[in-house]
Structures are given as structure tokens and as C-alpha cells.
């Protein structure tokens, strides 16, 4: 058996720890980065859900199954296993005692230029908030709407429980062969989210705003767009190893509903931090301030509130013992 390991770099503590554990169990491993070799049986990817998304953005071969590992105890949906418990699963990996889930990816072209495929969602927004964007939505060459709104989100089934659902979109079960489309805060009060077949060609064009607009890929990269965004199903799908049976669309929905109920009674700053940690994964206080653009004092007070309520927990970074990282607590 030959297992590949992928992470920030070969010197990353998570990568080193995984290679050491595999060596202890007599399993051959090598650091492959984003260029897996043909003789690899599977790949262990560090960095939690964010690391898994980043891997599929850059990999040259998405068909090799990957197992996502988080460096904290907060299990994600894509990365179920935390680094401390990884050794307990090695024998199951050796025996092939796991399931491989297929996750649909969304192929993206911006003004005719292809970019990497996304696993969650792609969105179009004006470059400055609180500004309307005019656009036309076409599905399979047929005009569906001509709209003015804050922006548009196109999501995969797994991405439907992230930004899309926060904007009023439906929760889509993982194995559904569809995509979701949400016009965010449309001026047309009758506008509703759409569900279309994943064999569809989705085009958002005639995009205009008072300032230029941007495409946001999986909530990470922002790329300027002049006129047209095209979305189609990307082949092959992402193949992710699942070691725990409770990570299903139903359990994810249950957690999302419970979290939504609790969010109603939180201060706005706490809500923003919690959603940021949910979407981006573990972060330091400095990273949270940079990502949310909130003042340091506001971030500090919001974190204290979330810690007191048990929604978030604080741990020491294994990369740098001087740094404290914050993560969402597990919802039982």
C-alpha cells in the first residue's frame, strides 16, 4: 500500500505527524502536494475542510480518493478526522474499511476563460457592498430572469448548506444531481431560489454595477468579471473517504437548523464570527479580524461571548505554540 500526503508543504507539522504515524504502521507514504502519482492508493490531506477545498482547486488528478484531516478536534463535513485521532483509523485505512463519497464539482468560466472547479459554490457580487448588480440568468440558452440584486450564488449540493443557505437557498441532499441558484436580496420580492439539473449550462451575463463586479470561488479567490459567468458540471467528481457514518445530508441539516435557531439570539458580531469559522475553519483572532474587517476589540468581545456560550472553543496551534486558534465546537 502506498499513501500520498498533501498539505501546505513537506515541513508542515500536520504532514510530518501523518507520515510518522503511517511509518509506525509499516505503510509506505510520500509527500505528493497537488501532483499525485499513479501508484497512490489514497491521499491524506491536512488543513480540515479548507485544506480539502484547496486540494481540489489545485490537484491535477481529482479521481484519487482523499481523506481530509483537521488539526483540531472540530470535525468538518469534508474532513471528518482530527489529527489526534488519526492513528485510530490507520488499520481501517489499511483494510480499505471505509466508504468513498462522490462530490459534484462546478466548472467555471469567467468571460470565456476557464478557472479551477469549485466544490462548494461560485458567486458574483459587486466589488463594493451595499450596491446593486444587474444581470440576466440563462439556463440552457433560455432566459430565466433579468434581475437587480446584491449578487447571485450557484452552488453544488454540498455547497447548498453554506453561503447559499444563509442567503435563503434550499438544503440539497448530497446525492441529488442538481445545482442551486440564488439571487441575493433581489428587488423582485417574488424571486425565489432555483433548482436545475446538473447537466444544465448556467450562464449569468450582461453583468453590470456602478463599480466593477467580482466572481468569488468557494469563498476564497476573487476574480474580476466584465460580462459573463458560465457554470457547468465538472468531471470527474471529487472522491472523498468517509470514516464516520453520521456525516450525512440529514445530520448536516439537523446541525444547521439547530445552529440557525441559536444564531437568532446572538449579537451581530458573534454571528459573523461564527459563520466565518463555520465556512473557513479554524482561525486565529488576528485572522478573524482580517477576514471579517471588524475592530480587534469587537472580535475579542465576540469571541468571549461565543466561548462563554460554548459555541466556540480555543486551542493552542500545533504550528506555533504562541498562537491560539478558535474553532466551532461540535453540536451534539
C-alpha atoms as a PDB file:
ATOM      1  CA  UNK A   1       0.000   0.000   0.000  1.00  0.00           C
ATOM      2  CA  UNK A   2       1.255   3.480  -0.888  1.00  0.00           C
ATOM      3  CA  UNK A   3      -0.405   6.549   0.602  1.00  0.00           C
ATOM      4  CA  UNK A   4       0.192  10.113  -0.515  1.00  0.00           C
ATOM      5  CA  UNK A   5       0.203  13.058   1.890  1.00  0.00           C
ATOM      6  CA  UNK A   6      -0.743  16.597   0.911  1.00  0.00           C
ATOM      7  CA  UNK A   7      -0.564  19.828   2.889  1.00  0.00           C
ATOM      8  CA  UNK A   8       0.925  23.303   2.873  1.00  0.00           C
ATOM      9  CA  UNK A   9       4.443  21.876   2.398  1.00  0.00           C
ATOM     10  CA  UNK A  10       6.607  18.947   3.434  1.00  0.00           C
ATOM     11  CA  UNK A  11       7.715  20.669   6.642  1.00  0.00           C
ATOM     12  CA  UNK A  12       4.140  21.248   7.833  1.00  0.00           C
ATOM     13  CA  UNK A  13       3.610  19.680  11.274  1.00  0.00           C
ATOM     14  CA  UNK A  14       0.394  18.002  10.172  1.00  0.00           C
ATOM     15  CA  UNK A  15       2.165  16.381   7.199  1.00  0.00           C
ATOM     16  CA  UNK A  16       5.074  15.241   9.381  1.00  0.00           C
ATOM     17  CA  UNK A  17       2.751  13.780  12.011  1.00  0.00           C
ATOM     18  CA  UNK A  18       0.754  11.794   9.465  1.00  0.00           C
ATOM     19  CA  UNK A  19       3.892  10.421   7.795  1.00  0.00           C
ATOM     20  CA  UNK A  20       5.273   9.374  11.204  1.00  0.00           C
ATOM     21  CA  UNK A  21       2.055   7.549  12.116  1.00  0.00           C
ATOM     22  CA  UNK A  22       1.961   5.770   8.741  1.00  0.00           C
ATOM     23  CA  UNK A  23       5.607   4.732   9.151  1.00  0.00           C
ATOM     24  CA  UNK A  24       4.818   3.309  12.592  1.00  0.00           C
ATOM     25  CA  UNK A  25       2.152   1.115  10.987  1.00  0.00           C
ATOM     26  CA  UNK A  26       4.506  -0.023   8.231  1.00  0.00           C
ATOM     27  CA  UNK A  27       2.713   1.889   5.469  1.00  0.00           C
ATOM     28  CA  UNK A  28       4.746   3.473   2.691  1.00  0.00           C
ATOM     29  CA  UNK A  29       3.962   7.156   2.257  1.00  0.00           C
ATOM     30  CA  UNK A  30       5.293  10.130   0.336  1.00  0.00           C
ATOM     31  CA  UNK A  31       4.532  13.826   0.116  1.00  0.00           C
ATOM     32  CA  UNK A  32       2.722  14.427  -3.171  1.00  0.00           C
ATOM     33  CA  UNK A  33       1.463  18.006  -2.812  1.00  0.00           C
ATOM     34  CA  UNK A  34      -1.067  18.516  -5.597  1.00  0.00           C
ATOM     35  CA  UNK A  35       0.583  16.146  -8.095  1.00  0.00           C
ATOM     36  CA  UNK A  36      -0.374  12.587  -7.041  1.00  0.00           C
ATOM     37  CA  UNK A  37       1.488   9.657  -8.564  1.00  0.00           C
ATOM     38  CA  UNK A  38      -0.237   6.805 -10.382  1.00  0.00           C
ATOM     39  CA  UNK A  39       0.716   4.190  -7.774  1.00  0.00           C
ATOM     40  CA  UNK A  40      -1.008   6.063  -4.912  1.00  0.00           C
ATOM     41  CA  UNK A  41      -3.946   4.234  -3.266  1.00  0.00           C
ATOM     42  CA  UNK A  42      -5.299   7.296  -1.497  1.00  0.00           C
ATOM     43  CA  UNK A  43      -4.172  10.702  -0.251  1.00  0.00           C
ATOM     44  CA  UNK A  44      -4.321  12.172   3.249  1.00  0.00           C
ATOM     45  CA  UNK A  45      -4.973  15.929   3.063  1.00  0.00           C
ATOM     46  CA  UNK A  46      -4.301  18.191   6.057  1.00  0.00           C
ATOM     47  CA  UNK A  47      -5.932  21.526   6.859  1.00  0.00           C
ATOM     48  CA  UNK A  48      -9.522  20.490   7.537  1.00  0.00           C
ATOM     49  CA  UNK A  49     -12.372  21.412   5.176  1.00  0.00           C
ATOM     50  CA  UNK A  50     -10.452  24.415   3.881  1.00  0.00           C
ATOM     51  CA  UNK A  51      -7.446  22.186   3.101  1.00  0.00           C
ATOM     52  CA  UNK A  52      -9.676  19.732   1.220  1.00  0.00           C
ATOM     53  CA  UNK A  53     -11.225  22.503  -0.887  1.00  0.00           C
ATOM     54  CA  UNK A  54      -7.791  23.929  -1.598  1.00  0.00           C
ATOM     55  CA  UNK A  55      -6.540  20.497  -2.673  1.00  0.00           C
ATOM     56  CA  UNK A  56      -9.324  20.069  -5.234  1.00  0.00           C
ATOM     57  CA  UNK A  57      -8.698  23.591  -6.540  1.00  0.00           C
ATOM     58  CA  UNK A  58      -5.110  22.674  -7.402  1.00  0.00           C
ATOM     59  CA  UNK A  59      -4.876  18.925  -7.944  1.00  0.00           C
ATOM     60  CA  UNK A  60      -4.129  17.504 -11.362  1.00  0.00           C
ATOM     61  CA  UNK A  61      -5.944  14.225 -10.586  1.00  0.00           C
ATOM     62  CA  UNK A  62      -9.171  14.548  -8.538  1.00  0.00           C
ATOM     63  CA  UNK A  63     -10.052  10.871  -9.099  1.00  0.00           C
ATOM     64  CA  UNK A  64      -7.715   9.547  -6.401  1.00  0.00           C
ATOM     65  CA  UNK A  65      -9.746   9.298  -3.165  1.00  0.00           C
ATOM     66  CA  UNK A  66      -8.645  11.618  -0.369  1.00  0.00           C
ATOM     67  CA  UNK A  67      -9.120  11.607   3.394  1.00  0.00           C
ATOM     68  CA  UNK A  68      -9.320  15.053   4.961  1.00  0.00           C
ATOM     69  CA  UNK A  69      -7.701  15.549   8.362  1.00  0.00           C
ATOM     70  CA  UNK A  70      -8.224  18.534  10.632  1.00  0.00           C
ATOM     71  CA  UNK A  71      -5.553  19.819  13.002  1.00  0.00           C
ATOM     72  CA  UNK A  72      -8.190  20.405  15.668  1.00  0.00           C
ATOM     73  CA  UNK A  73     -10.996  18.441  17.313  1.00  0.00           C
ATOM     74  CA  UNK A  74     -13.722  20.238  15.378  1.00  0.00           C
ATOM     75  CA  UNK A  75     -14.759  17.757  12.715  1.00  0.00           C
ATOM     76  CA  UNK A  76     -15.874  19.207   9.422  1.00  0.00           C
ATOM     77  CA  UNK A  77     -18.017  17.760   6.663  1.00  0.00           C
ATOM     78  CA  UNK A  78     -15.246  17.183   4.141  1.00  0.00           C
ATOM     79  CA  UNK A  79     -12.573  16.460   6.784  1.00  0.00           C
ATOM     80  CA  UNK A  80     -14.071  14.256   9.493  1.00  0.00           C
ATOM     81  CA  UNK A  81     -10.928  13.118  11.294  1.00  0.00           C
ATOM     82  CA  UNK A  82      -8.787  15.239  13.588  1.00  0.00           C
ATOM     83  CA  UNK A  83      -5.028  14.757  13.753  1.00  0.00           C
ATOM     84  CA  UNK A  84      -5.027  13.401  17.320  1.00  0.00           C
ATOM     85  CA  UNK A  85      -7.360  10.519  16.431  1.00  0.00           C
ATOM     86  CA  UNK A  86      -5.805   9.717  13.043  1.00  0.00           C
ATOM     87  CA  UNK A  87      -3.800   6.733  14.358  1.00  0.00           C
ATOM     88  CA  UNK A  88      -7.039   5.056  15.494  1.00  0.00           C
ATOM     89  CA  UNK A  89      -8.192   4.872  11.852  1.00  0.00           C
ATOM     90  CA  UNK A  90      -4.979   3.649  10.211  1.00  0.00           C
ATOM     91  CA  UNK A  91      -5.868  -0.066  10.430  1.00  0.00           C
ATOM     92  CA  UNK A  92      -9.209   0.641   8.765  1.00  0.00           C
ATOM     93  CA  UNK A  93      -7.395   2.521   6.016  1.00  0.00           C
ATOM     94  CA  UNK A  94      -5.065  -0.484   5.508  1.00  0.00           C
ATOM     95  CA  UNK A  95      -8.063  -2.815   5.188  1.00  0.00           C
ATOM     96  CA  UNK A  96      -9.982  -0.454   2.931  1.00  0.00           C
ATOM     97  CA  UNK A  97     -12.727  -0.337   5.570  1.00  0.00           C
ATOM     98  CA  UNK A  98     -14.332   2.936   4.514  1.00  0.00           C
ATOM     99  CA  UNK A  99     -16.763   4.478   2.063  1.00  0.00           C
ATOM    100  CA  UNK A 100     -15.916   6.816  -0.801  1.00  0.00           C
ATOM    101  CA  UNK A 101     -18.385   9.627  -1.411  1.00  0.00           C
ATOM    102  CA  UNK A 102     -18.656  11.371  -4.766  1.00  0.00           C
ATOM    103  CA  UNK A 103     -18.986  15.162  -4.556  1.00  0.00           C
ATOM    104  CA  UNK A 104     -20.081  17.040  -7.669  1.00  0.00           C
ATOM    105  CA  UNK A 105     -17.796  19.915  -8.674  1.00  0.00           C
ATOM    106  CA  UNK A 106     -18.806  23.006 -10.593  1.00  0.00           C
ATOM    107  CA  UNK A 107     -16.786  24.044 -13.630  1.00  0.00           C
ATOM    108  CA  UNK A 108     -16.400  27.804 -14.030  1.00  0.00           C
ATOM    109  CA  UNK A 109     -15.588  30.122 -16.940  1.00  0.00           C
ATOM    110  CA  UNK A 110     -15.175  33.868 -16.428  1.00  0.00           C
ATOM    111  CA  UNK A 111     -15.590  35.883 -19.630  1.00  0.00           C
ATOM    112  CA  UNK A 112     -14.830  32.704 -21.556  1.00  0.00           C
ATOM    113  CA  UNK A 113     -11.671  31.862 -19.583  1.00  0.00           C
ATOM    114  CA  UNK A 114     -11.779  28.627 -17.543  1.00  0.00           C
ATOM    115  CA  UNK A 115     -10.660  28.695 -13.918  1.00  0.00           C
ATOM    116  CA  UNK A 116     -10.436  25.915 -11.354  1.00  0.00           C
ATOM    117  CA  UNK A 117     -13.549  23.887 -10.483  1.00  0.00           C
ATOM    118  CA  UNK A 118     -15.262  24.640  -7.174  1.00  0.00           C
ATOM    119  CA  UNK A 119     -16.654  22.135  -4.697  1.00  0.00           C
ATOM    120  CA  UNK A 120     -18.996  24.462  -2.771  1.00  0.00           C
ATOM    121  CA  UNK A 121     -20.156  27.448  -4.768  1.00  0.00           C
ATOM    122  CA  UNK A 122     -19.388  30.302  -7.125  1.00  0.00           C
ATOM    123  CA  UNK A 123     -20.856  33.758  -6.608  1.00  0.00           C
ATOM    124  CA  UNK A 124     -20.943  37.083  -8.460  1.00  0.00           C
ATOM    125  CA  UNK A 125     -21.085  40.331  -6.483  1.00  0.00           C
ATOM    126  CA  UNK A 126     -20.275  43.992  -6.972  1.00  0.00           C
ATOM    127  CA  UNK A 127     -16.767  44.806  -5.768  1.00  0.00           C
ATOM    128  CA  UNK A 128     -18.254  47.083  -3.109  1.00  0.00           C
ATOM    129  CA  UNK A 129     -21.009  46.000  -0.717  1.00  0.00           C
ATOM    130  CA  UNK A 130     -24.425  47.688  -0.494  1.00  0.00           C
ATOM    131  CA  UNK A 131     -24.507  48.098  -4.271  1.00  0.00           C
ATOM    132  CA  UNK A 132     -26.944  46.515  -6.715  1.00  0.00           C
ATOM    133  CA  UNK A 133     -25.844  44.314  -9.603  1.00  0.00           C
ATOM    134  CA  UNK A 134     -27.958  43.951 -12.737  1.00  0.00           C
ATOM    135  CA  UNK A 135     -27.723  40.657 -14.611  1.00  0.00           C
ATOM    136  CA  UNK A 136     -29.507  38.123 -16.803  1.00  0.00           C
ATOM    137  CA  UNK A 137     -29.725  34.435 -15.849  1.00  0.00           C
ATOM    138  CA  UNK A 138     -29.870  31.914 -18.679  1.00  0.00           C
ATOM    139  CA  UNK A 139     -30.220  28.143 -18.260  1.00  0.00           C
ATOM    140  CA  UNK A 140     -29.550  26.030 -21.355  1.00  0.00           C
ATOM    141  CA  UNK A 141     -29.671  29.171 -23.528  1.00  0.00           C
ATOM    142  CA  UNK A 142     -33.110  30.186 -22.262  1.00  0.00           C
ATOM    143  CA  UNK A 143     -33.525  33.444 -20.343  1.00  0.00           C
ATOM    144  CA  UNK A 144     -34.908  32.759 -16.860  1.00  0.00           C
ATOM    145  CA  UNK A 145     -34.799  36.232 -15.335  1.00  0.00           C
ATOM    146  CA  UNK A 146     -33.481  39.750 -15.751  1.00  0.00           C
ATOM    147  CA  UNK A 147     -32.784  40.898 -12.220  1.00  0.00           C
ATOM    148  CA  UNK A 148     -31.268  43.519  -9.939  1.00  0.00           C
ATOM    149  CA  UNK A 149     -29.930  42.165  -6.660  1.00  0.00           C
ATOM    150  CA  UNK A 150     -26.925  42.103  -4.327  1.00  0.00           C
ATOM    151  CA  UNK A 151     -25.493  39.211  -6.328  1.00  0.00           C
ATOM    152  CA  UNK A 152     -26.003  35.615  -7.466  1.00  0.00           C
ATOM    153  CA  UNK A 153     -24.831  32.303  -5.960  1.00  0.00           C
ATOM    154  CA  UNK A 154     -24.613  28.998  -7.840  1.00  0.00           C
ATOM    155  CA  UNK A 155     -23.997  26.050  -5.511  1.00  0.00           C
ATOM    156  CA  UNK A 156     -23.357  22.325  -5.629  1.00  0.00           C
ATOM    157  CA  UNK A 157     -25.359  20.032  -3.308  1.00  0.00           C
ATOM    158  CA  UNK A 158     -22.652  20.125  -0.647  1.00  0.00           C
ATOM    159  CA  UNK A 159     -22.294  23.887  -1.039  1.00  0.00           C
ATOM    160  CA  UNK A 160     -26.040  24.345  -0.554  1.00  0.00           C
ATOM    161  CA  UNK A 161     -25.577  24.201   3.225  1.00  0.00           C
ATOM    162  CA  UNK A 162     -23.009  27.008   3.222  1.00  0.00           C
ATOM    163  CA  UNK A 163     -23.340  30.521   1.795  1.00  0.00           C
ATOM    164  CA  UNK A 164     -26.334  29.595  -0.372  1.00  0.00           C
ATOM    165  CA  UNK A 165     -28.490  28.520   2.565  1.00  0.00           C
ATOM    166  CA  UNK A 166     -27.523  31.649   4.515  1.00  0.00           C
ATOM    167  CA  UNK A 167     -28.901  33.669   1.581  1.00  0.00           C
ATOM    168  CA  UNK A 168     -32.215  31.806   1.595  1.00  0.00           C
ATOM    169  CA  UNK A 169     -31.373  28.850  -0.650  1.00  0.00           C
ATOM    170  CA  UNK A 170     -32.593  25.272  -0.014  1.00  0.00           C
ATOM    171  CA  UNK A 171     -30.626  22.450   1.599  1.00  0.00           C
ATOM    172  CA  UNK A 172     -29.859  19.942  -1.189  1.00  0.00           C
ATOM    173  CA  UNK A 173     -29.083  16.332  -0.362  1.00  0.00           C
ATOM    174  CA  UNK A 174     -25.563  15.323  -1.354  1.00  0.00           C
ATOM    175  CA  UNK A 175     -26.526  12.690  -3.930  1.00  0.00           C
ATOM    176  CA  UNK A 176     -29.017  14.907  -5.781  1.00  0.00           C
ATOM    177  CA  UNK A 177     -27.974  15.528  -9.430  1.00  0.00           C
ATOM    178  CA  UNK A 178     -28.772  19.240  -9.296  1.00  0.00           C
ATOM    179  CA  UNK A 179     -27.357  22.732  -8.706  1.00  0.00           C
ATOM    180  CA  UNK A 180     -28.936  25.568  -6.738  1.00  0.00           C
ATOM    181  CA  UNK A 181     -29.182  29.200  -7.907  1.00  0.00           C
ATOM    182  CA  UNK A 182     -29.947  32.064  -5.508  1.00  0.00           C
ATOM    183  CA  UNK A 183     -30.405  35.737  -6.353  1.00  0.00           C
ATOM    184  CA  UNK A 184     -29.321  37.509  -3.148  1.00  0.00           C
ATOM    185  CA  UNK A 185     -31.721  40.208  -1.887  1.00  0.00           C
ATOM    186  CA  UNK A 186     -33.439  40.692  -5.233  1.00  0.00           C
ATOM    187  CA  UNK A 187     -35.510  43.833  -5.808  1.00  0.00           C
ATOM    188  CA  UNK A 188     -38.193  41.487  -7.136  1.00  0.00           C
ATOM    189  CA  UNK A 189     -39.920  40.213  -3.970  1.00  0.00           C
ATOM    190  CA  UNK A 190     -41.350  37.251  -5.902  1.00  0.00           C
ATOM    191  CA  UNK A 191     -37.885  35.996  -6.840  1.00  0.00           C
ATOM    192  CA  UNK A 192     -37.213  32.520  -5.429  1.00  0.00           C
ATOM    193  CA  UNK A 193     -34.184  30.183  -5.480  1.00  0.00           C
ATOM    194  CA  UNK A 194     -33.983  27.750  -8.387  1.00  0.00           C
ATOM    195  CA  UNK A 195     -33.003  24.090  -8.610  1.00  0.00           C
ATOM    196  CA  UNK A 196     -31.714  22.954 -12.013  1.00  0.00           C
ATOM    197  CA  UNK A 197     -30.297  19.700 -13.354  1.00  0.00           C
ATOM    198  CA  UNK A 198     -26.523  19.354 -13.006  1.00  0.00           C
ATOM    199  CA  UNK A 199     -26.423  18.640 -16.744  1.00  0.00           C
ATOM    200  CA  UNK A 200     -27.502  22.254 -17.340  1.00  0.00           C
ATOM    201  CA  UNK A 201     -25.383  25.092 -18.638  1.00  0.00           C
ATOM    202  CA  UNK A 202     -25.870  28.071 -16.327  1.00  0.00           C
ATOM    203  CA  UNK A 203     -24.906  31.486 -17.685  1.00  0.00           C
ATOM    204  CA  UNK A 204     -25.038  34.804 -15.855  1.00  0.00           C
ATOM    205  CA  UNK A 205     -24.348  37.599 -18.315  1.00  0.00           C
ATOM    206  CA  UNK A 206     -24.918  41.277 -19.078  1.00  0.00           C
ATOM    207  CA  UNK A 207     -23.480  41.823 -15.601  1.00  0.00           C
ATOM    208  CA  UNK A 208     -23.260  45.458 -14.597  1.00  0.00           C
ATOM    209  CA  UNK A 209     -22.970  47.623 -11.488  1.00  0.00           C
ATOM    210  CA  UNK A 210     -21.894  51.148 -10.619  1.00  0.00           C
ATOM    211  CA  UNK A 211     -18.412  49.724  -9.948  1.00  0.00           C
ATOM    212  CA  UNK A 212     -16.851  46.566 -11.371  1.00  0.00           C
ATOM    213  CA  UNK A 213     -18.033  43.101 -10.263  1.00  0.00           C
ATOM    214  CA  UNK A 214     -16.144  40.065  -8.949  1.00  0.00           C
ATOM    215  CA  UNK A 215     -16.528  36.295  -9.026  1.00  0.00           C
ATOM    216  CA  UNK A 216     -15.940  34.601  -5.658  1.00  0.00           C
ATOM    217  CA  UNK A 217     -14.746  30.986  -5.936  1.00  0.00           C
ATOM    218  CA  UNK A 218     -15.512  28.779  -2.908  1.00  0.00           C
ATOM    219  CA  UNK A 219     -15.361  31.880  -0.730  1.00  0.00           C
ATOM    220  CA  UNK A 220     -11.609  32.126  -1.306  1.00  0.00           C
ATOM    221  CA  UNK A 221     -10.458  33.801  -4.510  1.00  0.00           C
ATOM    222  CA  UNK A 222     -11.969  36.944  -6.022  1.00  0.00           C
ATOM    223  CA  UNK A 223     -11.552  37.476  -9.760  1.00  0.00           C
ATOM    224  CA  UNK A 224     -12.750  40.458 -11.736  1.00  0.00           C
ATOM    225  CA  UNK A 225     -15.502  39.820 -14.271  1.00  0.00           C
ATOM    226  CA  UNK A 226     -16.541  42.012 -17.175  1.00  0.00           C
ATOM    227  CA  UNK A 227     -19.704  40.410 -18.513  1.00  0.00           C
ATOM    228  CA  UNK A 228     -20.252  36.633 -18.409  1.00  0.00           C
ATOM    229  CA  UNK A 229     -20.035  33.766 -15.914  1.00  0.00           C
ATOM    230  CA  UNK A 230     -20.629  30.232 -17.198  1.00  0.00           C
ATOM    231  CA  UNK A 231     -21.136  27.212 -14.911  1.00  0.00           C
ATOM    232  CA  UNK A 232     -21.339  23.539 -15.861  1.00  0.00           C
ATOM    233  CA  UNK A 233     -20.784  20.220 -14.143  1.00  0.00           C
ATOM    234  CA  UNK A 234     -17.080  19.431 -13.859  1.00  0.00           C
ATOM    235  CA  UNK A 235     -15.867  15.898 -14.487  1.00  0.00           C
ATOM    236  CA  UNK A 236     -14.680  13.887 -12.666  1.00  0.00           C
ATOM    237  CA  UNK A 237     -16.308  14.391  -9.281  1.00  0.00           C
ATOM    238  CA  UNK A 238     -14.264  14.825  -6.115  1.00  0.00           C
ATOM    239  CA  UNK A 239     -13.828  11.485  -4.312  1.00  0.00           C
ATOM    240  CA  UNK A 240     -13.643  11.787  -0.522  1.00  0.00           C
ATOM    241  CA  UNK A 241     -13.146   8.999   2.007  1.00  0.00           C
ATOM    242  CA  UNK A 242     -15.755   8.881   4.769  1.00  0.00           C
ATOM    243  CA  UNK A 243     -14.831   7.127   8.025  1.00  0.00           C
ATOM    244  CA  UNK A 244     -17.841   8.189  10.112  1.00  0.00           C
ATOM    245  CA  UNK A 245     -21.424   7.285   9.309  1.00  0.00           C
ATOM    246  CA  UNK A 246     -23.032  10.309  10.962  1.00  0.00           C
ATOM    247  CA  UNK A 247     -21.790  12.795   8.361  1.00  0.00           C
ATOM    248  CA  UNK A 248     -24.808  12.687   6.075  1.00  0.00           C
ATOM    249  CA  UNK A 249     -27.004  15.295   4.497  1.00  0.00           C
ATOM    250  CA  UNK A 250     -29.629  14.625   7.197  1.00  0.00           C
ATOM    251  CA  UNK A 251     -27.211  15.098  10.113  1.00  0.00           C
ATOM    252  CA  UNK A 252     -25.743  18.181   8.452  1.00  0.00           C
ATOM    253  CA  UNK A 253     -29.224  19.656   8.066  1.00  0.00           C
ATOM    254  CA  UNK A 254     -30.054  18.924  11.716  1.00  0.00           C
ATOM    255  CA  UNK A 255     -26.928  20.739  12.855  1.00  0.00           C
ATOM    256  CA  UNK A 256     -27.601  23.644  10.532  1.00  0.00           C
ATOM    257  CA  UNK A 257     -31.176  24.069  11.818  1.00  0.00           C
ATOM    258  CA  UNK A 258     -30.062  23.980  15.442  1.00  0.00           C
ATOM    259  CA  UNK A 259     -27.298  26.470  14.733  1.00  0.00           C
ATOM    260  CA  UNK A 260     -29.742  28.773  12.910  1.00  0.00           C
ATOM    261  CA  UNK A 261     -32.078  28.803  15.915  1.00  0.00           C
ATOM    262  CA  UNK A 262     -29.231  29.708  18.250  1.00  0.00           C
ATOM    263  CA  UNK A 263     -27.968  32.395  15.880  1.00  0.00           C
ATOM    264  CA  UNK A 264     -31.192  34.383  16.254  1.00  0.00           C
ATOM    265  CA  UNK A 265     -30.314  35.419  19.800  1.00  0.00           C
ATOM    266  CA  UNK A 266     -26.659  36.286  19.170  1.00  0.00           C
ATOM    267  CA  UNK A 267     -25.120  39.753  18.717  1.00  0.00           C
ATOM    268  CA  UNK A 268     -24.375  40.510  15.017  1.00  0.00           C
ATOM    269  CA  UNK A 269     -20.597  40.400  15.568  1.00  0.00           C
ATOM    270  CA  UNK A 270     -20.850  36.942  17.166  1.00  0.00           C
ATOM    271  CA  UNK A 271     -22.984  35.721  14.271  1.00  0.00           C
ATOM    272  CA  UNK A 272     -20.423  36.952  11.759  1.00  0.00           C
ATOM    273  CA  UNK A 273     -17.513  35.283  13.578  1.00  0.00           C
ATOM    274  CA  UNK A 274     -19.390  32.012  13.930  1.00  0.00           C
ATOM    275  CA  UNK A 275     -20.338  31.905  10.245  1.00  0.00           C
ATOM    276  CA  UNK A 276     -16.752  32.781   9.295  1.00  0.00           C
ATOM    277  CA  UNK A 277     -15.372  29.918  11.414  1.00  0.00           C
ATOM    278  CA  UNK A 278     -18.014  27.579  10.020  1.00  0.00           C
ATOM    279  CA  UNK A 279     -17.097  28.382   6.436  1.00  0.00           C
ATOM    280  CA  UNK A 280     -13.335  28.942   6.712  1.00  0.00           C
ATOM    281  CA  UNK A 281     -12.377  26.532   9.510  1.00  0.00           C
ATOM    282  CA  UNK A 282     -10.071  27.191  12.472  1.00  0.00           C
ATOM    283  CA  UNK A 283      -8.596  30.692  12.628  1.00  0.00           C
ATOM    284  CA  UNK A 284      -6.600  32.917  14.973  1.00  0.00           C
ATOM    285  CA  UNK A 285      -8.029  36.126  16.425  1.00  0.00           C
ATOM    286  CA  UNK A 286      -5.902  38.142  14.014  1.00  0.00           C
ATOM    287  CA  UNK A 287      -7.132  36.127  11.024  1.00  0.00           C
ATOM    288  CA  UNK A 288     -10.735  36.606  12.150  1.00  0.00           C
ATOM    289  CA  UNK A 289     -10.249  40.373  12.390  1.00  0.00           C
ATOM    290  CA  UNK A 290      -8.729  40.452   8.900  1.00  0.00           C
ATOM    291  CA  UNK A 291     -11.425  38.247   7.384  1.00  0.00           C
ATOM    292  CA  UNK A 292     -14.416  39.983   8.973  1.00  0.00           C
ATOM    293  CA  UNK A 293     -12.946  43.533   8.870  1.00  0.00           C
ATOM    294  CA  UNK A 294     -14.187  44.026  12.444  1.00  0.00           C
ATOM    295  CA  UNK A 295     -12.207  46.063  15.008  1.00  0.00           C
ATOM    296  CA  UNK A 296      -9.884  43.996  17.222  1.00  0.00           C
ATOM    297  CA  UNK A 297     -11.874  44.891  20.356  1.00  0.00           C
ATOM    298  CA  UNK A 298     -15.150  43.788  18.744  1.00  0.00           C
ATOM    299  CA  UNK A 299     -13.611  40.480  17.677  1.00  0.00           C
ATOM    300  CA  UNK A 300     -12.234  39.947  21.181  1.00  0.00           C
ATOM    301  CA  UNK A 301     -15.628  40.607  22.840  1.00  0.00           C
ATOM    302  CA  UNK A 302     -17.495  38.446  20.301  1.00  0.00           C
ATOM    303  CA  UNK A 303     -15.070  35.570  20.861  1.00  0.00           C
ATOM    304  CA  UNK A 304     -15.531  35.866  24.616  1.00  0.00           C
ATOM    305  CA  UNK A 305     -19.316  35.632  24.129  1.00  0.00           C
ATOM    306  CA  UNK A 306     -19.000  32.572  21.876  1.00  0.00           C
ATOM    307  CA  UNK A 307     -16.568  30.887  24.281  1.00  0.00           C
ATOM    308  CA  UNK A 308     -18.838  31.529  27.270  1.00  0.00           C
ATOM    309  CA  UNK A 309     -21.821  30.063  25.428  1.00  0.00           C
ATOM    310  CA  UNK A 310     -19.842  27.038  24.284  1.00  0.00           C
ATOM    311  CA  UNK A 311     -20.327  27.683  20.564  1.00  0.00           C
ATOM    312  CA  UNK A 312     -16.570  28.101  20.036  1.00  0.00           C
ATOM    313  CA  UNK A 313     -13.534  26.637  21.745  1.00  0.00           C
ATOM    314  CA  UNK A 314      -9.956  27.830  21.969  1.00  0.00           C
ATOM    315  CA  UNK A 315      -6.863  25.690  21.414  1.00  0.00           C
ATOM    316  CA  UNK A 316      -3.147  26.174  21.062  1.00  0.00           C
ATOM    317  CA  UNK A 317      -1.915  25.968  17.480  1.00  0.00           C
ATOM    318  CA  UNK A 318       0.285  22.942  16.867  1.00  0.00           C
ATOM    319  CA  UNK A 319       2.192  25.006  14.298  1.00  0.00           C
ATOM    320  CA  UNK A 320       3.019  27.804  16.718  1.00  0.00           C
ATOM    321  CA  UNK A 321       2.500  27.338  20.477  1.00  0.00           C
ATOM    322  CA  UNK A 322       2.331  31.122  20.888  1.00  0.00           C
ATOM    323  CA  UNK A 323      -0.805  31.295  18.757  1.00  0.00           C
ATOM    324  CA  UNK A 324      -4.330  30.409  19.893  1.00  0.00           C
ATOM    325  CA  UNK A 325      -6.810  29.171  17.338  1.00  0.00           C
ATOM    326  CA  UNK A 326     -10.596  29.298  17.522  1.00  0.00           C
ATOM    327  CA  UNK A 327     -12.967  26.728  16.123  1.00  0.00           C
ATOM    328  CA  UNK A 328     -16.628  25.761  16.246  1.00  0.00           C
ATOM    329  CA  UNK A 329     -17.498  23.292  18.989  1.00  0.00           C
ATOM    330  CA  UNK A 330     -19.200  20.089  17.979  1.00  0.00           C
ATOM    331  CA  UNK A 331     -23.006  20.241  18.112  1.00  0.00           C
ATOM    332  CA  UNK A 332     -24.356  17.062  19.667  1.00  0.00           C
END
